[in-house]
C-alpha atoms as a PDB file:
ATOM      1  CA  MET A   1       0.000   0.000   0.000  1.00  0.00           C
ATOM      2  CA  THR A   2       1.448   3.273  -1.055  1.00  0.00           C
ATOM      3  CA  MET A   3       0.973   6.310   1.042  1.00  0.00           C
ATOM      4  CA  HIS A   4       0.807   9.652  -0.653  1.00  0.00           C
ATOM      5  CA  GLN A   5       2.784  12.256   1.198  1.00  0.00           C
ATOM      6  CA  PRO A   6       1.458  15.784   1.059  1.00  0.00           C
ATOM      7  CA  ARG A   7       3.104  17.982  -1.484  1.00  0.00           C
ATOM      8  CA  PHE A   8       4.670  21.119  -0.222  1.00  0.00           C
ATOM      9  CA  ASP A   9       5.193  23.844  -2.799  1.00  0.00           C
ATOM     10  CA  ARG A  10       7.958  26.268  -2.278  1.00  0.00           C
ATOM     11  CA  PRO A  11       6.751  29.772  -1.672  1.00  0.00           C
ATOM     12  CA  ARG A  12       7.298  32.012  -4.610  1.00  0.00           C
ATOM     13  CA  LEU A  13       9.721  34.768  -3.824  1.00  0.00           C
ATOM     14  CA  PRO A  14       9.048  38.149  -5.348  1.00  0.00           C
ATOM     15  CA  LYS A  15      11.346  38.994  -8.180  1.00  0.00           C
ATOM     16  CA  LEU A  16      13.919  41.540  -7.172  1.00  0.00           C
ATOM     17  CA  LYS A  17      13.898  44.444  -9.525  1.00  0.00           C
ATOM     18  CA  ARG A  18      17.252  45.639 -10.624  1.00  0.00           C
ATOM     19  CA  ARG A  19      17.854  49.144  -9.373  1.00  0.00           C
ATOM     20  CA  ARG A  20      18.274  51.615 -12.118  1.00  0.00           C
ATOM     21  CA  PHE A  21      20.023  54.879 -11.503  1.00  0.00           C
ATOM     22  CA  ARG A  22      18.477  57.975 -12.863  1.00  0.00           C
ATOM     23  CA  ARG A  23      20.283  59.308 -15.872  1.00  0.00           C
ATOM     24  CA  ILE A  24      22.125  62.565 -15.307  1.00  0.00           C
ATOM     25  CA  PRO A  25      21.600  65.192 -18.012  1.00  0.00           C
ATOM     26  CA  VAL A  26      24.606  66.574 -19.832  1.00  0.00           C
ATOM     27  CA  ARG A  27      23.730  70.128 -18.787  1.00  0.00           C
ATOM     28  CA  THR A  28      24.411  69.085 -15.181  1.00  0.00           C
ATOM     29  CA  LEU A  29      27.671  67.332 -15.994  1.00  0.00           C
ATOM     30  CA  ALA A  30      29.199  70.154 -18.055  1.00  0.00           C
ATOM     31  CA  PRO A  31      29.767  72.613 -15.140  1.00  0.00           C
ATOM     32  CA  ASN A  32      31.225  69.815 -12.993  1.00  0.00           C
ATOM     33  CA  VAL A  33      33.665  68.910 -15.776  1.00  0.00           C
ATOM     34  CA  VAL A  34      34.853  72.528 -15.834  1.00  0.00           C
ATOM     35  CA  THR A  35      35.267  72.434 -12.046  1.00  0.00           C
ATOM     36  CA  LEU A  36      37.352  69.257 -12.303  1.00  0.00           C
ATOM     37  CA  LEU A  37      39.530  70.885 -14.966  1.00  0.00           C
ATOM     38  CA  ALA A  38      40.138  73.770 -12.555  1.00  0.00           C
ATOM     39  CA  LEU A  39      41.059  71.253  -9.848  1.00  0.00           C
ATOM     40  CA  CYS A  40      43.545  69.620 -12.211  1.00  0.00           C
ATOM     41  CA  ALA A  41      45.081  73.041 -12.850  1.00  0.00           C
ATOM     42  CA  GLY A  42      45.460  73.683  -9.116  1.00  0.00           C
ATOM     43  CA  LEU A  43      47.112  70.323  -8.493  1.00  0.00           C
ATOM     44  CA  THR A  44      49.403  70.885 -11.465  1.00  0.00           C
ATOM     45  CA  ALA A  45      50.401  74.253  -9.992  1.00  0.00           C
ATOM     46  CA  ILE A  46      51.554  72.483  -6.822  1.00  0.00           C
ATOM     47  CA  ARG A  47      53.662  70.063  -8.856  1.00  0.00           C
ATOM     48  CA  MET A  48      55.202  72.851 -10.953  1.00  0.00           C
ATOM     49  CA  ALA A  49      56.127  74.793  -7.803  1.00  0.00           C
ATOM     50  CA  PHE A  50      57.722  71.689  -6.299  1.00  0.00           C
ATOM     51  CA  GLU A  51      59.832  71.375  -9.470  1.00  0.00           C
ATOM     52  CA  ASN A  52      60.756  75.116  -9.356  1.00  0.00           C
ATOM     53  CA  HIS A  53      58.757  75.945 -12.509  1.00  0.00           C
ATOM     54  CA  TYR A  54      57.072  78.994 -11.017  1.00  0.00           C
ATOM     55  CA  VAL A  55      56.004  80.515 -14.325  1.00  0.00           C
ATOM     56  CA  LEU A  56      53.935  77.439 -15.102  1.00  0.00           C
ATOM     57  CA  ALA A  57      52.671  77.279 -11.531  1.00  0.00           C
ATOM     58  CA  LEU A  58      51.364  80.842 -11.616  1.00  0.00           C
ATOM     59  CA  GLY A  59      49.873  80.262 -15.054  1.00  0.00           C
ATOM     60  CA  ALA A  60      47.999  77.241 -13.714  1.00  0.00           C
ATOM     61  CA  ILE A  61      46.575  79.283 -10.812  1.00  0.00           C
ATOM     62  CA  VAL A  62      45.371  82.007 -13.183  1.00  0.00           C
ATOM     63  CA  PHE A  63      43.844  79.366 -15.459  1.00  0.00           C
ATOM     64  CA  ALA A  64      42.062  77.794 -12.476  1.00  0.00           C
ATOM     65  CA  ALA A  65      40.683  81.210 -11.487  1.00  0.00           C
ATOM     66  CA  ILE A  66      39.330  81.732 -15.011  1.00  0.00           C
ATOM     67  CA  LEU A  67      37.661  78.300 -14.990  1.00  0.00           C
ATOM     68  CA  ASP A  68      36.218  79.029 -11.540  1.00  0.00           C
ATOM     69  CA  GLY A  69      34.494  82.079 -12.975  1.00  0.00           C
ATOM     70  CA  ILE A  70      33.129  80.046 -15.872  1.00  0.00           C
ATOM     71  CA  ASP A  71      31.671  76.980 -14.154  1.00  0.00           C
ATOM     72  CA  GLY A  72      29.081  78.817 -12.065  1.00  0.00           C
ATOM     73  CA  ARG A  73      27.910  80.980 -14.949  1.00  0.00           C
ATOM     74  CA  LEU A  74      27.776  77.928 -17.189  1.00  0.00           C
ATOM     75  CA  ALA A  75      25.639  76.074 -14.644  1.00  0.00           C
ATOM     76  CA  ARG A  76      23.184  78.956 -14.368  1.00  0.00           C
ATOM     77  CA  PHE A  77      23.085  79.399 -18.139  1.00  0.00           C
ATOM     78  CA  LEU A  78      22.369  75.703 -18.739  1.00  0.00           C
ATOM     79  CA  LYS A  79      20.118  75.498 -15.653  1.00  0.00           C
ATOM     80  CA  GLY A  80      22.322  72.677 -14.426  1.00  0.00           C
ATOM     81  CA  THR A  81      22.895  73.754 -10.833  1.00  0.00           C
ATOM     82  CA  SER A  82      23.001  70.960  -8.271  1.00  0.00           C
ATOM     83  CA  ARG A  83      23.960  70.347  -4.672  1.00  0.00           C
ATOM     84  CA  PHE A  84      26.731  68.034  -5.818  1.00  0.00           C
ATOM     85  CA  GLY A  85      28.161  70.772  -8.036  1.00  0.00           C
ATOM     86  CA  ALA A  86      28.126  73.248  -5.168  1.00  0.00           C
ATOM     87  CA  GLU A  87      30.030  70.911  -2.858  1.00  0.00           C
ATOM     88  CA  LEU A  88      32.528  69.983  -5.577  1.00  0.00           C
ATOM     89  CA  ASP A  89      33.120  73.646  -6.370  1.00  0.00           C
ATOM     90  CA  SER A  90      33.875  74.460  -2.720  1.00  0.00           C
ATOM     91  CA  LEU A  91      36.344  71.602  -2.380  1.00  0.00           C
ATOM     92  CA  ALA A  92      38.078  72.528  -5.634  1.00  0.00           C
ATOM     93  CA  ASP A  93      38.326  76.179  -4.563  1.00  0.00           C
ATOM     94  CA  PHE A  94      39.993  75.185  -1.297  1.00  0.00           C
ATOM     95  CA  VAL A  95      42.679  73.253  -3.167  1.00  0.00           C
ATOM     96  CA  ASN A  96      43.130  75.744  -6.009  1.00  0.00           C
ATOM     97  CA  PHE A  97      43.027  78.989  -4.043  1.00  0.00           C
ATOM     98  CA  GLY A  98      43.982  77.905  -0.537  1.00  0.00           C
ATOM     99  CA  VAL A  99      46.443  75.030  -0.596  1.00  0.00           C
ATOM    100  CA  ALA A 100      48.128  75.665  -3.973  1.00  0.00           C
ATOM    101  CA  PRO A 101      49.050  79.380  -3.450  1.00  0.00           C
ATOM    102  CA  ALA A 102      50.274  78.633   0.079  1.00  0.00           C
ATOM    103  CA  LEU A 103      52.584  75.889  -1.150  1.00  0.00           C
ATOM    104  CA  ILE A 104      53.797  77.999  -4.083  1.00  0.00           C
ATOM    105  CA  LEU A 105      54.782  80.802  -1.716  1.00  0.00           C
ATOM    106  CA  TYR A 106      56.449  78.357   0.648  1.00  0.00           C
ATOM    107  CA  PHE A 107      58.512  76.674  -2.081  1.00  0.00           C
ATOM    108  CA  TRP A 108      59.373  80.064  -3.604  1.00  0.00           C
ATOM    109  CA  GLY A 109      60.705  81.904  -0.563  1.00  0.00           C
ATOM    110  CA  LEU A 110      58.909  81.268   2.733  1.00  0.00           C
ATOM    111  CA  HIS A 111      60.889  78.072   3.266  1.00  0.00           C
ATOM    112  CA  ASP A 112      63.922  80.285   4.009  1.00  0.00           C
ATOM    113  CA  LEU A 113      62.154  81.346   7.214  1.00  0.00           C
ATOM    114  CA  LYS A 114      61.708  77.699   8.229  1.00  0.00           C
ATOM    115  CA  SER A 115      58.876  77.268  10.742  1.00  0.00           C
ATOM    116  CA  ALA A 116      57.705  80.891  10.519  1.00  0.00           C
ATOM    117  CA  GLY A 117      57.256  80.614   6.759  1.00  0.00           C
ATOM    118  CA  TRP A 118      55.403  77.324   7.071  1.00  0.00           C
ATOM    119  CA  ILE A 119      53.070  78.797   9.696  1.00  0.00           C
ATOM    120  CA  ALA A 120      52.257  81.705   7.360  1.00  0.00           C
ATOM    121  CA  ALA A 121      51.481  79.281   4.524  1.00  0.00           C
ATOM    122  CA  MET A 122      49.241  77.201   6.782  1.00  0.00           C
ATOM    123  CA  VAL A 123      47.408  80.276   8.065  1.00  0.00           C
ATOM    124  CA  PHE A 124      46.633  81.350   4.516  1.00  0.00           C
ATOM    125  CA  ALA A 125      45.295  77.899   3.557  1.00  0.00           C
ATOM    126  CA  ILE A 126      43.184  77.695   6.731  1.00  0.00           C
ATOM    127  CA  CYS A 127      41.751  81.183   6.172  1.00  0.00           C
ATOM    128  CA  ALA A 128      40.803  80.211   2.625  1.00  0.00           C
ATOM    129  CA  GLY A 129      38.911  77.196   3.971  1.00  0.00           C
ATOM    130  CA  LEU A 130      37.149  79.333   6.592  1.00  0.00           C
ATOM    131  CA  ARG A 131      36.270  81.895   3.941  1.00  0.00           C
ATOM    132  CA  LEU A 132      34.658  79.256   1.717  1.00  0.00           C
ATOM    133  CA  ALA A 133      32.750  77.706   4.632  1.00  0.00           C
ATOM    134  CA  ARG A 134      31.375  81.084   5.676  1.00  0.00           C
ATOM    135  CA  PHE A 135      30.309  81.840   2.106  1.00  0.00           C
ATOM    136  CA  ASN A 136      28.386  78.560   1.921  1.00  0.00           C
ATOM    137  CA  VAL A 137      26.544  79.369   5.136  1.00  0.00           C
ATOM    138  CA  MET A 138      25.806  83.029   4.431  1.00  0.00           C
ATOM    139  CA  SER A 139      24.534  82.431   0.890  1.00  0.00           C
ATOM    140  CA  GLU A 140      21.751  80.251   2.322  1.00  0.00           C
ATOM    141  CA  ASP A 141      20.559  82.991   4.709  1.00  0.00           C
ATOM    142  CA  PRO A 142      16.919  83.803   3.755  1.00  0.00           C
ATOM    143  CA  ASP A 143      16.986  87.102   5.662  1.00  0.00           C
ATOM    144  CA  ARG A 144      19.816  88.535   3.602  1.00  0.00           C
ATOM    145  CA  PRO A 145      18.666  91.607   1.620  1.00  0.00           C
ATOM    146  CA  ALA A 146      18.677  91.426  -2.158  1.00  0.00           C
ATOM    147  CA  TRP A 147      21.225  94.249  -2.551  1.00  0.00           C
ATOM    148  CA  ALA A 148      23.735  92.295  -0.423  1.00  0.00           C
ATOM    149  CA  SER A 149      24.431  90.015  -3.404  1.00  0.00           C
ATOM    150  CA  ASN A 150      26.419  92.927  -4.865  1.00  0.00           C
ATOM    151  CA  PHE A 151      29.091  92.322  -2.222  1.00  0.00           C
ATOM    152  CA  PHE A 152      31.209  89.547  -0.809  1.00  0.00           C
ATOM    153  CA  VAL A 153      31.984  89.435   2.894  1.00  0.00           C
ATOM    154  CA  GLY A 154      35.765  89.414   2.874  1.00  0.00           C
ATOM    155  CA  VAL A 155      38.066  88.971  -0.095  1.00  0.00           C
ATOM    156  CA  PRO A 156      36.900  85.924  -2.105  1.00  0.00           C
ATOM    157  CA  ALA A 157      39.200  82.922  -2.368  1.00  0.00           C
ATOM    158  CA  PRO A 158      40.116  83.277  -6.097  1.00  0.00           C
ATOM    159  CA  ALA A 159      40.932  86.972  -5.688  1.00  0.00           C
ATOM    160  CA  GLY A 160      42.895  86.189  -2.527  1.00  0.00           C
ATOM    161  CA  ALA A 161      44.965  83.599  -4.374  1.00  0.00           C
ATOM    162  CA  ILE A 162      45.811  85.974  -7.222  1.00  0.00           C
ATOM    163  CA  THR A 163      46.508  88.808  -4.771  1.00  0.00           C
ATOM    164  CA  VAL A 164      48.746  86.891  -2.370  1.00  0.00           C
ATOM    165  CA  LEU A 165      51.150  85.966  -5.179  1.00  0.00           C
ATOM    166  CA  LEU A 166      52.093  89.641  -5.717  1.00  0.00           C
ATOM    167  CA  PRO A 167      55.655  89.238  -4.323  1.00  0.00           C
ATOM    168  CA  ILE A 168      56.399  86.622  -6.987  1.00  0.00           C
ATOM    169  CA  TYR A 169      55.093  88.924  -9.720  1.00  0.00           C
ATOM    170  CA  ALA A 170      57.358  91.678  -8.405  1.00  0.00           C
ATOM    171  CA  ALA A 171      60.347  89.321  -8.357  1.00  0.00           C
ATOM    172  CA  PHE A 172      59.748  88.398 -11.994  1.00  0.00           C
ATOM    173  CA  LEU A 173      59.630  92.112 -12.823  1.00  0.00           C
ATOM    174  CA  GLY A 174      63.161  92.499 -11.469  1.00  0.00           C
ATOM    175  CA  LEU A 175      62.741  93.142  -7.759  1.00  0.00           C
ATOM    176  CA  PRO A 176      65.886  91.675  -6.139  1.00  0.00           C
ATOM    177  CA  ARG A 177      65.440  88.742  -3.785  1.00  0.00           C
ATOM    178  CA  SER A 178      66.546  89.525  -0.242  1.00  0.00           C
ATOM    179  CA  ASP A 179      65.779  88.684   3.359  1.00  0.00           C
ATOM    180  CA  PHE A 180      63.704  91.849   3.572  1.00  0.00           C
ATOM    181  CA  LEU A 181      61.522  90.698   0.660  1.00  0.00           C
ATOM    182  CA  THR A 182      61.072  87.287   2.298  1.00  0.00           C
ATOM    183  CA  TRP A 183      59.929  88.785   5.597  1.00  0.00           C
ATOM    184  CA  LEU A 184      57.739  91.234   3.695  1.00  0.00           C
ATOM    185  CA  THR A 185      56.172  88.282   1.869  1.00  0.00           C
ATOM    186  CA  LEU A 186      55.413  86.638   5.207  1.00  0.00           C
ATOM    187  CA  GLY A 187      53.648  89.739   6.525  1.00  0.00           C
ATOM    188  CA  TYR A 188      51.839  90.284   3.239  1.00  0.00           C
ATOM    189  CA  THR A 189      50.608  86.667   3.213  1.00  0.00           C
ATOM    190  CA  LEU A 190      49.178  87.025   6.714  1.00  0.00           C
ATOM    191  CA  ALA A 191      47.542  90.345   5.764  1.00  0.00           C
ATOM    192  CA  VAL A 192      45.785  88.829   2.739  1.00  0.00           C
ATOM    193  CA  ALA A 193      44.689  85.874   4.882  1.00  0.00           C
ATOM    194  CA  CYS A 194      43.121  88.312   7.366  1.00  0.00           C
ATOM    195  CA  LEU A 195      41.319  90.104   4.530  1.00  0.00           C
ATOM    196  CA  MET A 196      39.792  86.812   3.423  1.00  0.00           C
ATOM    197  CA  VAL A 197      38.221  86.073   6.824  1.00  0.00           C
ATOM    198  CA  SER A 198      37.391  89.694   7.627  1.00  0.00           C
ATOM    199  CA  ARG A 199      33.931  91.302   7.463  1.00  0.00           C
ATOM    200  CA  LEU A 200      35.085  93.777   4.824  1.00  0.00           C
ATOM    201  CA  PRO A 201      32.449  94.246   2.077  1.00  0.00           C
ATOM    202  CA  VAL A 202      33.992  93.626  -1.355  1.00  0.00           C
ATOM    203  CA  PHE A 203      32.417  94.175  -4.766  1.00  0.00           C
ATOM    204  CA  SER A 204      31.170  90.854  -6.127  1.00  0.00           C
ATOM    205  CA  GLY A 205      30.653  91.931  -9.743  1.00  0.00           C
ATOM    206  CA  LYS A 206      27.636  89.610 -10.082  1.00  0.00           C
ATOM    207  CA  ARG A 207      25.406  92.375 -11.424  1.00  0.00           C
ATOM    208  CA  ILE A 208      27.909  93.386 -14.094  1.00  0.00           C
ATOM    209  CA  GLY A 209      27.579  91.829 -17.494  1.00  0.00           C
ATOM    210  CA  ASN A 210      24.227  90.079 -17.087  1.00  0.00           C
ATOM    211  CA  ARG A 211      22.814  92.073 -19.981  1.00  0.00           C
ATOM    212  CA  VAL A 212      24.995  93.655 -22.664  1.00  0.00           C
ATOM    213  CA  PRO A 213      23.516  96.349 -24.927  1.00  0.00           C
ATOM    214  CA  PRO A 214      23.718  95.430 -28.617  1.00  0.00           C
ATOM    215  CA  ASP A 215      25.916  98.413 -29.437  1.00  0.00           C
ATOM    216  CA  MET A 216      28.433  97.328 -26.772  1.00  0.00           C
ATOM    217  CA  VAL A 217      28.945  93.747 -27.979  1.00  0.00           C
ATOM    218  CA  GLY A 218      31.679  94.675 -30.463  1.00  0.00           C
ATOM    219  CA  PRO A 219      33.716  96.901 -28.113  1.00  0.00           C
ATOM    220  CA  LEU A 220      33.384  94.311 -25.338  1.00  0.00           C
ATOM    221  CA  ILE A 221      34.801  91.567 -27.552  1.00  0.00           C
ATOM    222  CA  ILE A 222      37.678  93.828 -28.612  1.00  0.00           C
ATOM    223  CA  VAL A 223      38.504  94.731 -25.000  1.00  0.00           C
ATOM    224  CA  THR A 224      38.400  91.058 -23.969  1.00  0.00           C
ATOM    225  CA  VAL A 225      40.717  89.992 -26.784  1.00  0.00           C
ATOM    226  CA  LEU A 226      43.062  92.889 -26.012  1.00  0.00           C
ATOM    227  CA  PHE A 227      43.186  91.940 -22.328  1.00  0.00           C
ATOM    228  CA  VAL A 228      43.968  88.298 -23.094  1.00  0.00           C
ATOM    229  CA  ALA A 229      46.692  89.355 -25.551  1.00  0.00           C
ATOM    230  CA  LEU A 230      48.271  91.690 -22.999  1.00  0.00           C
ATOM    231  CA  LEU A 231      48.071  89.005 -20.303  1.00  0.00           C
ATOM    232  CA  ILE A 232      49.930  86.575 -22.555  1.00  0.00           C
ATOM    233  CA  ALA A 233      52.494  89.118 -23.759  1.00  0.00           C
ATOM    234  CA  TYR A 234      53.107  90.964 -20.455  1.00  0.00           C
ATOM    235  CA  PRO A 235      51.824  88.629 -17.716  1.00  0.00           C
ATOM    236  CA  TRP A 236      53.735  90.071 -14.755  1.00  0.00           C
ATOM    237  CA  VAL A 237      52.908  93.685 -15.590  1.00  0.00           C
ATOM    238  CA  ILE A 238      49.204  92.909 -16.004  1.00  0.00           C
ATOM    239  CA  LEU A 239      49.013  90.765 -12.880  1.00  0.00           C
ATOM    240  CA  THR A 240      50.892  93.308 -10.778  1.00  0.00           C
ATOM    241  CA  THR A 241      48.797  96.205 -12.048  1.00  0.00           C
ATOM    242  CA  GLY A 242      45.562  94.286 -11.591  1.00  0.00           C
ATOM    243  CA  THR A 243      46.473  93.232  -8.067  1.00  0.00           C
ATOM    244  CA  LEU A 244      47.367  96.768  -6.995  1.00  0.00           C
ATOM    245  CA  ALA A 245      44.178  98.123  -8.576  1.00  0.00           C
ATOM    246  CA  TYR A 246      42.112  95.480  -6.775  1.00  0.00           C
ATOM    247  CA  LEU A 247      43.679  96.331  -3.422  1.00  0.00           C
ATOM    248  CA  ALA A 248      43.065 100.025  -4.074  1.00  0.00           C
ATOM    249  CA  SER A 249      39.365  99.335  -4.822  1.00  0.00           C
ATOM    250  CA  LEU A 250      38.674  97.683  -1.457  1.00  0.00           C
ATOM    251  CA  PRO A 251      37.895 100.959   0.405  1.00  0.00           C
ATOM    252  CA  PHE A 252      35.396 101.924  -2.314  1.00  0.00           C
ATOM    253  CA  GLY A 253      33.540  98.651  -1.806  1.00  0.00           C
ATOM    254  CA  TRP A 254      33.235  99.420   1.895  1.00  0.00           C
ATOM    255  CA  LEU A 255      31.917 102.936   1.181  1.00  0.00           C
ATOM    256  CA  SER A 256      29.389 101.604  -1.341  1.00  0.00           C
ATOM    257  CA  TYR A 257      28.172  98.985   1.147  1.00  0.00           C
ATOM    258  CA  ARG A 258      27.650 101.652   3.796  1.00  0.00           C
ATOM    259  CA  ALA A 259      25.651 103.725   1.308  1.00  0.00           C
ATOM    260  CA  TYR A 260      23.401 100.734   0.561  1.00  0.00           C
ATOM    261  CA  GLU A 261      22.915 100.165   4.291  1.00  0.00           C
ATOM    262  CA  ARG A 262      22.015 103.793   4.877  1.00  0.00           C
ATOM    263  CA  ARG A 263      19.452 103.810   2.050  1.00  0.00           C
ATOM    264  CA  SER A 264      17.974 100.561   3.327  1.00  0.00           C
ATOM    265  CA  ARG A 265      17.540 101.971   6.836  1.00  0.00           C
ATOM    266  CA  GLU A 266      15.987 105.141   5.471  1.00  0.00           C
ATOM    267  CA  GLY A 267      13.570 103.116   3.336  1.00  0.00           C
ATOM    268  CA  LYS A 268      12.485 101.026   6.330  1.00  0.00           C
ATOM    269  CA  ALA A 269      12.077 104.149   8.455  1.00  0.00           C
ATOM    270  CA  GLU A 270       9.852 105.765   5.807  1.00  0.00           C
ATOM    271  CA  ALA A 271       7.793 102.611   5.297  1.00  0.00           C
ATOM    272  CA  ALA A 272       7.171 102.028   9.025  1.00  0.00           C
ATOM    273  CA  PRO A 273       4.962 105.122   9.731  1.00  0.00           C
ATOM    274  CA  ALA A 274       3.089 104.703   6.440  1.00  0.00           C
ATOM    275  CA  GLY A 275       1.906 101.172   7.274  1.00  0.00           C
ATOM    276  CA  THR A 276      -1.520 100.884   8.963  1.00  0.00           C
ATOM    277  CA  GLY A 277      -3.354  97.732   9.972  1.00  0.00           C
ATOM    278  CA  HIS A 278      -2.071  94.214   9.588  1.00  0.00           C
ATOM    279  CA  ALA A 279      -2.027  93.784   5.821  1.00  0.00           C
ATOM    280  CA  PRO A 280       1.073  95.910   5.131  1.00  0.00           C
ATOM    281  CA  VAL A 281       2.927  94.084   7.906  1.00  0.00           C
ATOM    282  CA  ALA A 282       2.235  90.739   6.278  1.00  0.00           C
ATOM    283  CA  ALA A 283       3.285  92.103   2.906  1.00  0.00           C
ATOM    284  CA  SER A 284       6.574  93.315   4.349  1.00  0.00           C
ATOM    285  CA  ILE A 285       7.301  89.918   5.873  1.00  0.00           C
ATOM    286  CA  VAL A 286       6.697  87.870   2.734  1.00  0.00           C
ATOM    287  CA  PRO A 287       9.302  88.768   0.064  1.00  0.00           C
ATOM    288  CA  SER A 288       8.167  89.401  -3.466  1.00  0.00           C
ATOM    289  CA  GLN A 289       8.963  87.072  -6.334  1.00  0.00           C
ATOM    290  CA  SER A 290      11.463  89.511  -7.873  1.00  0.00           C
ATOM    291  CA  GLU A 291      13.278  89.804  -4.557  1.00  0.00           C
ATOM    292  CA  ASN A 292      13.527  86.021  -4.277  1.00  0.00           C
ATOM    293  CA  GLU A 293      14.998  85.867  -7.765  1.00  0.00           C
ATOM    294  CA  ASP A 294      17.646  88.406  -6.784  1.00  0.00           C
ATOM    295  CA  ARG A 295      18.735  86.502  -3.709  1.00  0.00           C
ATOM    296  CA  PRO A 296      22.135  84.844  -4.102  1.00  0.00           C
ATOM    297  CA  SER A 297      22.096  81.112  -4.688  1.00  0.00           C
ATOM    298  CA  ARG A 298      24.803  78.861  -3.324  1.00  0.00           C
ATOM    299  CA  LEU A 299      24.497  76.362  -6.160  1.00  0.00           C
ATOM    300  CA  ASN A 300      27.691  76.743  -8.234  1.00  0.00           C
END
């Protein structure tokens, strides 16, 4: 006699779906590629300084600064801003405009001062990192007025990197190397580092060049080509002149910021007595759409 044992069917397991990553559009990748090219330029500048090729090292820093000005505008133009791009840009800026200039100055002359020169180089790199971190935090402040986007708080990292290399420009122009120049470079490096982390209002230039009149397109192209040609033909003269002009413009940025602050206080004082009831108060709390569009964005 055969006994039939009950048949147990294996439970059917649900089919695991293969995870598919969302495709990233090219318009988002393009600004990040430019940022990575700038990072490659900054790392190459460190190598060139280590091998005593300071002309190539300075050229790489200038090239990285140019790419840093392009990637953000390219992201906004292509509408490819992203959180990833913002973080990558900050990290690249710290290497390109904090670590690389500090090491270039140390290899060039600060190493003669031994520990004092190394401390100055480290202070500059640390101040650049603090400057970038503060920018990331302040740009996300919703209470910041729209006109504040015309100014940076402290010297920005790219401008600080170009500015701090002024002693090397002067040496290439024929300024003799001496112990006095080395100690002056140390003090100058610390001064630029302090400007980067200071509360000094500095022109941002973000409102310049957004719209170009049709009759100014031709002259603007000619001026741009002329500037690039002069930078290639007379790099140390152009960089020295530009650095001195930038340092001379810092007090004017402070005066302009104070004027904006004064007009803003006067506008609030005039609007306060005119408001009656609760409706104007609510309107003053909620920013308008145009004001939100003018607020600075951290993305790229």
